[in-house]
Amino acid sequence: MEPVLIDTSVIIGVLRQHDNVLRLAESVKGRPKAVTDAVVGELLAGARDKREFFALHRHLEDNFIWLSTNERMSTLFRSILIRYGPDKGVHLVDFQIAACAMAYSVPLLTLNKKHVAFIEGLEIA
């Protein structure tokens, strides 16, 4: 079964037990879950202290496949930025996450659909 790339907003919503996010997460139940460096960075940057930082890091390591940045992802990111940035407003991290999903050919589960739904070739879970 193919993995699904989970966006920062979804992980935060699940950790906070938001009902709407828990229902969304059910749609990919049983599938392997993946994160990328951009998601990990956003999550860890929001940690309140060292204890929370390392607990969250351990949770991510134990429960997610980590999709590393690669040349294909970098190329896609630059293409997305050039094509959509001027018209849609620049959402750098959202564009990086979308590029990762496209580079690894996996769908993206996100609450921020309006930031990425217009990207041609991106599959939204």
N, C-alpha and C. Protein backbone atom coordinates (compact mmCIF):
# COMPACT_ATOMS: atom_id res chain seq x y z
N MET A 1 0.85 -1.18 0.00
CA MET A 1 0.00 0.00 0.00
C MET A 1 0.90 1.24 0.00
N GLU A 2 0.55 2.20 -0.86
CA GLU A 2 1.39 3.40 -0.96
C GLU A 2 1.21 4.31 0.25
N PRO A 3 2.29 4.97 0.66
CA PRO A 3 2.16 5.90 1.79
C PRO A 3 1.44 7.17 1.37
N VAL A 4 1.06 7.93 2.37
CA VAL A 4 0.46 9.24 2.16
C VAL A 4 1.29 10.25 2.95
N LEU A 5 1.60 11.37 2.32
CA LEU A 5 2.37 12.42 2.97
C LEU A 5 1.41 13.25 3.83
N ILE A 6 1.73 13.38 5.10
CA ILE A 6 0.86 14.08 6.04
C ILE A 6 1.42 15.48 6.28
N ASP A 7 0.58 16.48 6.07
CA ASP A 7 0.97 17.87 6.26
C ASP A 7 0.99 18.22 7.74
N THR A 8 1.73 19.26 8.05
CA THR A 8 1.87 19.76 9.42
C THR A 8 0.51 20.01 10.07
N SER A 9 -0.40 20.64 9.36
CA SER A 9 -1.70 20.99 9.92
C SER A 9 -2.46 19.76 10.39
N VAL A 10 -2.32 18.67 9.68
CA VAL A 10 -3.03 17.43 10.04
C VAL A 10 -2.41 16.83 11.30
N ILE A 11 -1.10 16.78 11.36
CA ILE A 11 -0.44 16.21 12.54
C ILE A 11 -0.79 17.01 13.79
N ILE A 12 -0.74 18.32 13.69
CA ILE A 12 -1.09 19.17 14.84
C ILE A 12 -2.54 18.93 15.25
N GLY A 13 -3.44 18.88 14.29
CA GLY A 13 -4.85 18.64 14.60
C GLY A 13 -5.09 17.30 15.26
N VAL A 14 -4.39 16.26 14.81
CA VAL A 14 -4.53 14.94 15.43
C VAL A 14 -3.98 14.96 16.85
N LEU A 15 -2.81 15.56 17.03
CA LEU A 15 -2.22 15.63 18.37
C LEU A 15 -3.11 16.40 19.34
N ARG A 16 -3.83 17.39 18.83
CA ARG A 16 -4.74 18.20 19.66
C ARG A 16 -6.14 17.60 19.73
N GLN A 17 -6.32 16.47 19.05
CA GLN A 17 -7.60 15.74 19.07
C GLN A 17 -8.77 16.56 18.53
N HIS A 18 -8.55 17.34 17.48
CA HIS A 18 -9.63 18.09 16.84
C HIS A 18 -10.50 17.12 16.04
N ASP A 19 -11.78 17.15 16.31
CA ASP A 19 -12.70 16.18 15.71
C ASP A 19 -12.65 16.18 14.18
N ASN A 20 -12.65 17.36 13.57
CA ASN A 20 -12.65 17.42 12.10
C ASN A 20 -11.38 16.80 11.52
N VAL A 21 -10.26 16.97 12.19
CA VAL A 21 -8.99 16.42 11.71
C VAL A 21 -8.94 14.92 11.95
N LEU A 22 -9.47 14.49 13.08
CA LEU A 22 -9.52 13.05 13.34
C LEU A 22 -10.36 12.33 12.29
N ARG A 23 -11.46 12.96 11.87
CA ARG A 23 -12.29 12.37 10.80
C ARG A 23 -11.52 12.33 9.48
N LEU A 24 -10.79 13.40 9.19
CA LEU A 24 -9.99 13.43 7.97
C LEU A 24 -8.92 12.35 8.01
N ALA A 25 -8.27 12.19 9.14
CA ALA A 25 -7.21 11.18 9.28
C ALA A 25 -7.75 9.77 9.09
N GLU A 26 -9.01 9.56 9.44
CA GLU A 26 -9.64 8.25 9.23
C GLU A 26 -9.64 7.85 7.76
N SER A 27 -9.65 8.84 6.88
CA SER A 27 -9.70 8.55 5.44
C SER A 27 -8.43 7.86 4.94
N VAL A 28 -7.36 7.90 5.72
CA VAL A 28 -6.11 7.25 5.31
C VAL A 28 -5.68 6.20 6.33
N LYS A 29 -6.61 5.78 7.16
CA LYS A 29 -6.31 4.77 8.19
C LYS A 29 -5.79 3.50 7.53
N GLY A 30 -4.75 2.95 8.12
CA GLY A 30 -4.17 1.71 7.62
C GLY A 30 -3.06 1.91 6.59
N ARG A 31 -2.96 3.12 6.05
CA ARG A 31 -1.90 3.39 5.08
C ARG A 31 -0.65 3.88 5.80
N PRO A 32 0.53 3.58 5.26
CA PRO A 32 1.75 4.13 5.86
C PRO A 32 1.71 5.65 5.77
N LYS A 33 2.17 6.30 6.81
CA LYS A 33 2.18 7.76 6.88
C LYS A 33 3.62 8.25 6.69
N ALA A 34 3.76 9.35 5.97
CA ALA A 34 5.08 9.91 5.69
C ALA A 34 5.11 11.39 6.03
N VAL A 35 6.31 11.88 6.33
CA VAL A 35 6.57 13.30 6.53
C VAL A 35 7.82 13.66 5.75
N THR A 36 7.99 14.93 5.54
CA THR A 36 9.19 15.42 4.89
C THR A 36 9.90 16.38 5.84
N ASP A 37 11.12 16.76 5.50
CA ASP A 37 11.90 17.64 6.35
C ASP A 37 11.17 18.94 6.67
N ALA A 38 10.42 19.47 5.72
CA ALA A 38 9.69 20.72 5.94
C ALA A 38 8.63 20.55 7.02
N VAL A 39 7.93 19.43 7.01
CA VAL A 39 6.91 19.15 8.03
C VAL A 39 7.57 18.97 9.39
N VAL A 40 8.64 18.18 9.42
CA VAL A 40 9.36 17.96 10.67
C VAL A 40 9.86 19.30 11.24
N GLY A 41 10.41 20.14 10.37
CA GLY A 41 10.90 21.44 10.81
C GLY A 41 9.81 22.31 11.38
N GLU A 42 8.66 22.36 10.72
CA GLU A 42 7.55 23.16 11.23
C GLU A 42 7.08 22.66 12.59
N LEU A 43 6.96 21.35 12.71
CA LEU A 43 6.48 20.77 13.97
C LEU A 43 7.46 21.03 15.11
N LEU A 44 8.72 20.76 14.88
CA LEU A 44 9.71 20.92 15.94
C LEU A 44 9.91 22.39 16.31
N ALA A 45 9.76 23.28 15.35
CA ALA A 45 9.88 24.71 15.64
C ALA A 45 8.78 25.18 16.59
N GLY A 46 7.66 24.48 16.63
CA GLY A 46 6.56 24.85 17.50
C GLY A 46 6.62 24.24 18.89
N ALA A 47 7.64 23.43 19.16
CA ALA A 47 7.75 22.82 20.49
C ALA A 47 7.97 23.89 21.55
N ARG A 48 7.32 23.69 22.70
CA ARG A 48 7.39 24.69 23.77
C ARG A 48 8.66 24.61 24.61
N ASP A 49 9.28 23.44 24.64
CA ASP A 49 10.51 23.27 25.42
C ASP A 49 11.27 22.05 24.90
N LYS A 50 12.44 21.79 25.50
CA LYS A 50 13.28 20.68 25.03
C LYS A 50 12.58 19.33 25.21
N ARG A 51 11.88 19.17 26.29
CA ARG A 51 11.19 17.90 26.53
C ARG A 51 10.17 17.63 25.44
N GLU A 52 9.35 18.64 25.12
CA GLU A 52 8.36 18.49 24.07
C GLU A 52 9.03 18.28 22.71
N PHE A 53 10.11 19.00 22.46
CA PHE A 53 10.86 18.88 21.22
C PHE A 53 11.29 17.42 21.00
N PHE A 54 11.95 16.84 22.01
CA PHE A 54 12.47 15.49 21.83
C PHE A 54 11.38 14.43 21.86
N ALA A 55 10.30 14.66 22.60
CA ALA A 55 9.17 13.73 22.58
C ALA A 55 8.51 13.72 21.20
N LEU A 56 8.34 14.89 20.63
CA LEU A 56 7.74 14.99 19.30
C LEU A 56 8.66 14.37 18.24
N HIS A 57 9.94 14.63 18.35
CA HIS A 57 10.90 14.04 17.42
C HIS A 57 10.82 12.51 17.47
N ARG A 58 10.78 11.96 18.67
CA ARG A 58 10.69 10.50 18.83
C ARG A 58 9.39 9.98 18.23
N HIS A 59 8.28 10.68 18.47
CA HIS A 59 6.98 10.28 17.90
C HIS A 59 7.06 10.23 16.38
N LEU A 60 7.66 11.24 15.78
CA LEU A 60 7.77 11.28 14.32
C LEU A 60 8.64 10.14 13.81
N GLU A 61 9.76 9.90 14.48
CA GLU A 61 10.65 8.79 14.06
C GLU A 61 9.95 7.44 14.16
N ASP A 62 9.17 7.26 15.22
CA ASP A 62 8.54 5.97 15.47
C ASP A 62 7.31 5.70 14.62
N ASN A 63 6.67 6.75 14.12
CA ASN A 63 5.36 6.57 13.48
C ASN A 63 5.27 6.98 12.02
N PHE A 64 6.34 7.54 11.48
CA PHE A 64 6.28 8.05 10.11
C PHE A 64 7.49 7.62 9.30
N ILE A 65 7.27 7.48 8.01
CA ILE A 65 8.36 7.32 7.05
C ILE A 65 8.86 8.73 6.76
N TRP A 66 10.15 8.93 6.78
CA TRP A 66 10.71 10.26 6.49
C TRP A 66 11.15 10.29 5.03
N LEU A 67 10.58 11.18 4.26
CA LEU A 67 10.93 11.34 2.85
C LEU A 67 11.98 12.46 2.74
N SER A 68 13.17 12.07 2.38
CA SER A 68 14.28 13.03 2.32
C SER A 68 14.21 13.90 1.08
N THR A 69 14.74 15.10 1.23
CA THR A 69 14.86 16.00 0.09
C THR A 69 15.80 15.36 -0.93
N ASN A 70 15.42 15.46 -2.19
CA ASN A 70 16.27 14.94 -3.25
C ASN A 70 16.26 15.92 -4.43
N GLU A 71 17.05 15.62 -5.43
CA GLU A 71 17.17 16.53 -6.57
C GLU A 71 15.84 16.72 -7.30
N ARG A 72 15.07 15.66 -7.44
CA ARG A 72 13.76 15.75 -8.11
C ARG A 72 12.84 16.71 -7.35
N MET A 73 12.83 16.58 -6.03
CA MET A 73 12.00 17.46 -5.22
C MET A 73 12.43 18.91 -5.37
N SER A 74 13.73 19.16 -5.35
CA SER A 74 14.23 20.53 -5.50
C SER A 74 13.83 21.12 -6.84
N THR A 75 13.92 20.32 -7.89
CA THR A 75 13.54 20.78 -9.23
C THR A 75 12.04 21.09 -9.27
N LEU A 76 11.23 20.21 -8.71
CA LEU A 76 9.79 20.45 -8.68
C LEU A 76 9.44 21.69 -7.86
N PHE A 77 10.11 21.86 -6.73
CA PHE A 77 9.86 23.04 -5.90
C PHE A 77 10.13 24.31 -6.68
N ARG A 78 11.25 24.37 -7.37
CA ARG A 78 11.57 25.57 -8.15
C ARG A 78 10.53 25.80 -9.25
N SER A 79 10.09 24.74 -9.89
CA SER A 79 9.07 24.86 -10.94
C SER A 79 7.75 25.37 -10.38
N ILE A 80 7.35 24.83 -9.23
CA ILE A 80 6.10 25.27 -8.58
C ILE A 80 6.22 26.74 -8.20
N LEU A 81 7.34 27.11 -7.62
CA LEU A 81 7.55 28.49 -7.18
C LEU A 81 7.48 29.46 -8.35
N ILE A 82 8.15 29.12 -9.45
CA ILE A 82 8.15 30.00 -10.62
C ILE A 82 6.76 30.07 -11.25
N ARG A 83 6.09 28.92 -11.33
CA ARG A 83 4.79 28.89 -12.01
C ARG A 83 3.68 29.53 -11.19
N TYR A 84 3.65 29.27 -9.89
CA TYR A 84 2.50 29.69 -9.09
C TYR A 84 2.78 30.82 -8.10
N GLY A 85 4.02 31.00 -7.71
CA GLY A 85 4.34 31.98 -6.69
C GLY A 85 3.82 33.38 -6.95
N PRO A 86 4.07 33.92 -8.14
CA PRO A 86 3.62 35.30 -8.40
C PRO A 86 2.10 35.47 -8.39
N ASP A 87 1.38 34.43 -8.77
CA ASP A 87 -0.08 34.54 -8.87
C ASP A 87 -0.82 34.17 -7.59
N LYS A 88 -0.29 33.24 -6.85
CA LYS A 88 -1.02 32.70 -5.70
C LYS A 88 -0.49 33.20 -4.37
N GLY A 89 0.55 33.99 -4.37
CA GLY A 89 1.21 34.33 -3.11
C GLY A 89 2.18 33.21 -2.80
N VAL A 90 3.28 33.53 -2.24
CA VAL A 90 4.32 32.51 -2.03
C VAL A 90 4.10 31.81 -0.69
N HIS A 91 3.85 30.54 -0.75
CA HIS A 91 3.75 29.68 0.42
C HIS A 91 4.91 28.70 0.34
N LEU A 92 6.08 29.16 0.71
CA LEU A 92 7.29 28.37 0.50
C LEU A 92 7.22 26.97 1.07
N VAL A 93 6.85 26.85 2.33
CA VAL A 93 6.83 25.53 2.95
C VAL A 93 5.75 24.66 2.32
N ASP A 94 4.58 25.25 2.05
CA ASP A 94 3.53 24.47 1.39
C ASP A 94 3.99 23.98 0.02
N PHE A 95 4.70 24.83 -0.70
CA PHE A 95 5.22 24.44 -2.01
C PHE A 95 6.28 23.35 -1.87
N GLN A 96 7.11 23.41 -0.83
CA GLN A 96 8.12 22.37 -0.60
C GLN A 96 7.45 21.03 -0.29
N ILE A 97 6.42 21.06 0.53
CA ILE A 97 5.70 19.84 0.89
C ILE A 97 5.02 19.25 -0.35
N ALA A 98 4.39 20.09 -1.15
CA ALA A 98 3.75 19.63 -2.39
C ALA A 98 4.79 19.02 -3.33
N ALA A 99 5.94 19.65 -3.45
CA ALA A 99 7.00 19.13 -4.32
C ALA A 99 7.47 17.76 -3.84
N CYS A 100 7.53 17.58 -2.54
CA CYS A 100 7.93 16.28 -2.00
C CYS A 100 6.91 15.21 -2.37
N ALA A 101 5.63 15.51 -2.19
CA ALA A 101 4.58 14.55 -2.55
C ALA A 101 4.68 14.17 -4.02
N MET A 102 4.93 15.16 -4.85
CA MET A 102 5.04 14.90 -6.29
C MET A 102 6.30 14.11 -6.61
N ALA A 103 7.41 14.44 -5.98
CA ALA A 103 8.67 13.75 -6.25
C ALA A 103 8.60 12.27 -5.87
N TYR A 104 7.88 11.97 -4.81
CA TYR A 104 7.75 10.59 -4.35
C TYR A 104 6.48 9.91 -4.86
N SER A 105 5.69 10.64 -5.65
CA SER A 105 4.44 10.11 -6.23
C SER A 105 3.50 9.57 -5.16
N VAL A 106 3.29 10.39 -4.12
CA VAL A 106 2.37 10.02 -3.06
C VAL A 106 1.35 11.14 -2.89
N PRO A 107 0.14 10.80 -2.44
CA PRO A 107 -0.85 11.85 -2.19
C PRO A 107 -0.53 12.63 -0.93
N LEU A 108 -1.04 13.84 -0.87
CA LEU A 108 -0.83 14.74 0.27
C LEU A 108 -2.14 14.90 1.04
N LEU A 109 -2.09 14.66 2.34
CA LEU A 109 -3.23 14.90 3.20
C LEU A 109 -2.99 16.21 3.94
N THR A 110 -3.83 17.20 3.67
CA THR A 110 -3.62 18.54 4.23
C THR A 110 -4.94 19.20 4.57
N LEU A 111 -4.89 20.11 5.52
CA LEU A 111 -6.04 20.98 5.81
C LEU A 111 -5.95 22.26 4.99
N ASN A 112 -4.78 22.53 4.44
CA ASN A 112 -4.52 23.77 3.70
C ASN A 112 -4.67 23.56 2.19
N LYS A 113 -5.76 22.98 1.79
CA LYS A 113 -5.97 22.68 0.37
C LYS A 113 -5.90 23.92 -0.50
N LYS A 114 -6.37 25.05 0.01
CA LYS A 114 -6.37 26.27 -0.80
C LYS A 114 -4.95 26.73 -1.14
N HIS A 115 -3.95 26.29 -0.36
CA HIS A 115 -2.56 26.68 -0.63
C HIS A 115 -1.91 25.83 -1.71
N VAL A 116 -2.50 24.64 -2.01
CA VAL A 116 -1.82 23.73 -2.93
C VAL A 116 -2.72 23.06 -3.97
N ALA A 117 -4.04 23.13 -3.82
CA ALA A 117 -4.95 22.39 -4.70
C ALA A 117 -4.79 22.75 -6.18
N PHE A 118 -4.32 23.94 -6.47
CA PHE A 118 -4.17 24.41 -7.84
C PHE A 118 -2.90 23.88 -8.52
N ILE A 119 -2.04 23.20 -7.79
CA ILE A 119 -0.76 22.73 -8.35
C ILE A 119 -1.01 21.52 -9.25
N GLU A 120 -0.77 21.72 -10.51
CA GLU A 120 -0.98 20.67 -11.49
C GLU A 120 -0.05 19.49 -11.21
N GLY A 121 -0.62 18.29 -11.15
CA GLY A 121 0.17 17.08 -10.91
C GLY A 121 0.22 16.65 -9.46
N LEU A 122 -0.29 17.47 -8.54
CA LEU A 122 -0.32 17.12 -7.13
C LEU A 122 -1.59 16.36 -6.81
N GLU A 123 -1.46 15.22 -6.17
CA GLU A 123 -2.62 14.43 -5.76
C GLU A 123 -2.93 14.75 -4.29
N ILE A 124 -4.15 15.18 -4.04
CA ILE A 124 -4.61 15.45 -2.68
C ILE A 124 -5.35 14.22 -2.18
N ALA A 125 -4.98 13.73 -0.99
CA ALA A 125 -5.62 12.53 -0.42
C ALA A 125 -7.00 12.89 0.13
